[in-house]
Amino acid sequence: MAHSNQEIPRDQWASYLVGISQQEPSPWVRMESIAPDTGDQPLADRLPLQEISLETKGSDSGAVQIIVGQEGAEITHRILNPEHIFAELDEASGTLECLEIGEQGGKTLIFFEPLT
């Protein structure tokens, strides 16, 4: 399968992330954090995406928040100072396969999995 990577311009982050959150049905995700000092750290494995958003107001303005899991058992991961967002797409279908959110000293990878 061929893939293409595209950087999401900063001024489009909020609308791009809202678009992912509004997919029906909600995609399943696997999430991991990668940092030089801690290595690869799994954060979530095959859980439904509840929300991914960019905080646009207040002291957390600019932070990306990802919420996964079932209602009442959610996992929330925040990226306080994101530097870039890359989307990896399946070239044939245009389907989002992975979102990389980079920050100083590491990155968070969100893998989108088929609902089957």
C-alpha atoms as a PDB file:
ATOM      1  CA  MET A   1       0.000   0.000   0.000  1.00  0.00           C
ATOM      2  CA  ALA A   2       1.404   3.398  -0.977  1.00  0.00           C
ATOM      3  CA  HIS A   3       1.263   6.242   1.502  1.00  0.00           C
ATOM      4  CA  SER A   4       1.573   9.980   1.248  1.00  0.00           C
ATOM      5  CA  ASN A   5       2.478  12.382   4.032  1.00  0.00           C
ATOM      6  CA  GLN A   6       1.169  15.874   4.250  1.00  0.00           C
ATOM      7  CA  GLU A   7       1.895  18.584   6.782  1.00  0.00           C
ATOM      8  CA  ILE A   8      -1.218  20.323   8.059  1.00  0.00           C
ATOM      9  CA  PRO A   9      -0.671  24.106   8.101  1.00  0.00           C
ATOM     10  CA  ARG A  10      -0.931  25.556  11.614  1.00  0.00           C
ATOM     11  CA  ASP A  11      -3.826  27.845  10.661  1.00  0.00           C
ATOM     12  CA  GLN A  12      -5.845  24.744   9.661  1.00  0.00           C
ATOM     13  CA  TRP A  13      -5.175  22.610  12.764  1.00  0.00           C
ATOM     14  CA  ALA A  14      -8.434  23.407  14.567  1.00  0.00           C
ATOM     15  CA  SER A  15     -10.710  22.659  11.593  1.00  0.00           C
ATOM     16  CA  TYR A  16      -8.703  19.582  10.530  1.00  0.00           C
ATOM     17  CA  LEU A  17      -8.896  18.034  14.008  1.00  0.00           C
ATOM     18  CA  VAL A  18     -12.625  18.794  14.315  1.00  0.00           C
ATOM     19  CA  GLY A  19     -13.141  17.013  10.993  1.00  0.00           C
ATOM     20  CA  ILE A  20     -11.438  13.895  12.356  1.00  0.00           C
ATOM     21  CA  SER A  21     -13.592  14.020  15.506  1.00  0.00           C
ATOM     22  CA  GLN A  22     -16.791  14.254  13.486  1.00  0.00           C
ATOM     23  CA  GLN A  23     -16.208  11.070  11.459  1.00  0.00           C
ATOM     24  CA  GLU A  24     -19.085   8.619  11.678  1.00  0.00           C
ATOM     25  CA  PRO A  25     -18.703   6.019  12.879  1.00  0.00           C
ATOM     26  CA  SER A  26     -15.931   7.095  15.229  1.00  0.00           C
ATOM     27  CA  PRO A  27     -12.621   5.482  14.227  1.00  0.00           C
ATOM     28  CA  TRP A  28     -10.684   3.113  16.462  1.00  0.00           C
ATOM     29  CA  VAL A  29      -7.239   4.372  17.409  1.00  0.00           C
ATOM     30  CA  ARG A  30      -3.955   3.176  18.779  1.00  0.00           C
ATOM     31  CA  MET A  31      -1.873   5.906  20.361  1.00  0.00           C
ATOM     32  CA  GLU A  32       1.750   6.049  21.450  1.00  0.00           C
ATOM     33  CA  SER A  33       4.177   8.664  22.699  1.00  0.00           C
ATOM     34  CA  ILE A  34       7.787   8.654  21.527  1.00  0.00           C
ATOM     35  CA  ALA A  35      10.509  10.563  23.361  1.00  0.00           C
ATOM     36  CA  PRO A  36      14.295  10.109  23.458  1.00  0.00           C
ATOM     37  CA  ASP A  37      14.394   9.824  27.259  1.00  0.00           C
ATOM     38  CA  THR A  38      11.511   7.330  27.625  1.00  0.00           C
ATOM     39  CA  GLY A  39      11.366   5.579  24.233  1.00  0.00           C
ATOM     40  CA  ASP A  40       8.064   4.324  22.825  1.00  0.00           C
ATOM     41  CA  GLN A  41       5.238   4.443  25.368  1.00  0.00           C
ATOM     42  CA  PRO A  42       1.845   2.931  24.449  1.00  0.00           C
ATOM     43  CA  LEU A  43      -1.007   5.208  25.544  1.00  0.00           C
ATOM     44  CA  ALA A  44      -4.066   3.457  24.109  1.00  0.00           C
ATOM     45  CA  ASP A  45      -4.724   0.345  22.059  1.00  0.00           C
ATOM     46  CA  ARG A  46      -7.736  -0.025  19.762  1.00  0.00           C
ATOM     47  CA  LEU A  47     -10.120   2.339  21.511  1.00  0.00           C
ATOM     48  CA  PRO A  48     -12.799   4.522  19.941  1.00  0.00           C
ATOM     49  CA  LEU A  49     -11.868   8.142  19.322  1.00  0.00           C
ATOM     50  CA  GLN A  50     -14.087  10.461  21.339  1.00  0.00           C
ATOM     51  CA  GLU A  51     -12.479  13.777  20.409  1.00  0.00           C
ATOM     52  CA  ILE A  52      -9.335  15.376  19.102  1.00  0.00           C
ATOM     53  CA  SER A  53      -9.215  19.150  19.300  1.00  0.00           C
ATOM     54  CA  LEU A  54      -7.060  22.251  19.455  1.00  0.00           C
ATOM     55  CA  GLU A  55      -7.595  24.526  22.442  1.00  0.00           C
ATOM     56  CA  THR A  56      -8.076  28.018  21.059  1.00  0.00           C
ATOM     57  CA  LYS A  57      -8.710  30.015  24.253  1.00  0.00           C
ATOM     58  CA  GLY A  58      -7.283  30.507  27.705  1.00  0.00           C
ATOM     59  CA  SER A  59      -3.956  29.539  29.204  1.00  0.00           C
ATOM     60  CA  ASP A  60      -3.947  26.209  27.298  1.00  0.00           C
ATOM     61  CA  SER A  61      -4.364  27.903  23.931  1.00  0.00           C
ATOM     62  CA  GLY A  62      -2.501  25.945  21.265  1.00  0.00           C
ATOM     63  CA  ALA A  63      -2.609  22.601  23.119  1.00  0.00           C
ATOM     64  CA  VAL A  64      -3.953  19.512  21.354  1.00  0.00           C
ATOM     65  CA  GLN A  65      -6.232  17.248  23.388  1.00  0.00           C
ATOM     66  CA  ILE A  66      -7.026  13.653  22.418  1.00  0.00           C
ATOM     67  CA  ILE A  67      -9.765  11.696  24.212  1.00  0.00           C
ATOM     68  CA  VAL A  68     -10.234   7.977  23.509  1.00  0.00           C
ATOM     69  CA  GLY A  69     -12.184   5.135  25.115  1.00  0.00           C
ATOM     70  CA  GLN A  70     -15.697   4.330  26.202  1.00  0.00           C
ATOM     71  CA  GLU A  71     -17.809   6.882  28.061  1.00  0.00           C
ATOM     72  CA  GLY A  72     -16.881   6.776  31.735  1.00  0.00           C
ATOM     73  CA  ALA A  73     -13.523   5.131  31.000  1.00  0.00           C
ATOM     74  CA  GLU A  74     -11.855   7.752  28.806  1.00  0.00           C
ATOM     75  CA  ILE A  75      -8.135   8.301  28.410  1.00  0.00           C
ATOM     76  CA  THR A  76      -7.093  11.909  27.807  1.00  0.00           C
ATOM     77  CA  HIS A  77      -3.702  12.856  26.363  1.00  0.00           C
ATOM     78  CA  ARG A  78      -2.639  16.490  26.009  1.00  0.00           C
ATOM     79  CA  ILE A  79       0.157  17.895  23.903  1.00  0.00           C
ATOM     80  CA  LEU A  80       0.833  21.308  25.394  1.00  0.00           C
ATOM     81  CA  ASN A  81       3.193  22.810  22.791  1.00  0.00           C
ATOM     82  CA  PRO A  82       2.698  21.086  19.451  1.00  0.00           C
ATOM     83  CA  GLU A  83       5.142  22.111  16.747  1.00  0.00           C
ATOM     84  CA  HIS A  84       3.745  20.280  13.720  1.00  0.00           C
ATOM     85  CA  ILE A  85       1.020  17.919  12.593  1.00  0.00           C
ATOM     86  CA  PHE A  86       1.616  15.430   9.792  1.00  0.00           C
ATOM     87  CA  ALA A  87      -1.097  13.230   8.300  1.00  0.00           C
ATOM     88  CA  GLU A  88      -0.199   9.909   6.670  1.00  0.00           C
ATOM     89  CA  LEU A  89      -2.817   8.976   4.089  1.00  0.00           C
ATOM     90  CA  ASP A  90      -3.445   5.861   2.050  1.00  0.00           C
ATOM     91  CA  GLU A  91      -2.638   7.108  -1.445  1.00  0.00           C
ATOM     92  CA  ALA A  92      -5.335   5.081  -3.183  1.00  0.00           C
ATOM     93  CA  SER A  93      -8.289   5.900  -0.934  1.00  0.00           C
ATOM     94  CA  GLY A  94      -7.169   9.100   0.810  1.00  0.00           C
ATOM     95  CA  THR A  95      -7.974   7.447   4.157  1.00  0.00           C
ATOM     96  CA  LEU A  96      -6.168   8.852   7.195  1.00  0.00           C
ATOM     97  CA  GLU A  97      -3.938   6.135   8.625  1.00  0.00           C
ATOM     98  CA  CYS A  98      -1.734   8.002  11.098  1.00  0.00           C
ATOM     99  CA  LEU A  99      -1.469  11.446  12.631  1.00  0.00           C
ATOM    100  CA  GLU A 100       1.894  12.582  13.977  1.00  0.00           C
ATOM    101  CA  ILE A 101       1.831  15.487  16.398  1.00  0.00           C
ATOM    102  CA  GLY A 102       5.350  16.668  17.113  1.00  0.00           C
ATOM    103  CA  GLU A 103       6.546  18.642  20.076  1.00  0.00           C
ATOM    104  CA  GLN A 104       9.957  19.556  21.419  1.00  0.00           C
ATOM    105  CA  GLY A 105      11.608  16.367  22.585  1.00  0.00           C
ATOM    106  CA  GLY A 106       9.160  13.887  21.090  1.00  0.00           C
ATOM    107  CA  LYS A 107       5.948  13.142  19.262  1.00  0.00           C
ATOM    108  CA  THR A 108       2.604  11.438  19.629  1.00  0.00           C
ATOM    109  CA  LEU A 109       1.437   8.997  16.971  1.00  0.00           C
ATOM    110  CA  ILE A 110      -2.265   8.252  16.520  1.00  0.00           C
ATOM    111  CA  PHE A 111      -2.949   5.253  14.271  1.00  0.00           C
ATOM    112  CA  PHE A 112      -6.457   4.991  12.827  1.00  0.00           C
ATOM    113  CA  GLU A 113      -7.658   1.421  12.423  1.00  0.00           C
ATOM    114  CA  PRO A 114     -10.488  -0.155  10.459  1.00  0.00           C
ATOM    115  CA  LEU A 115     -13.659  -0.796  12.454  1.00  0.00           C
ATOM    116  CA  THR A 116     -13.699  -4.499  11.485  1.00  0.00           C
END
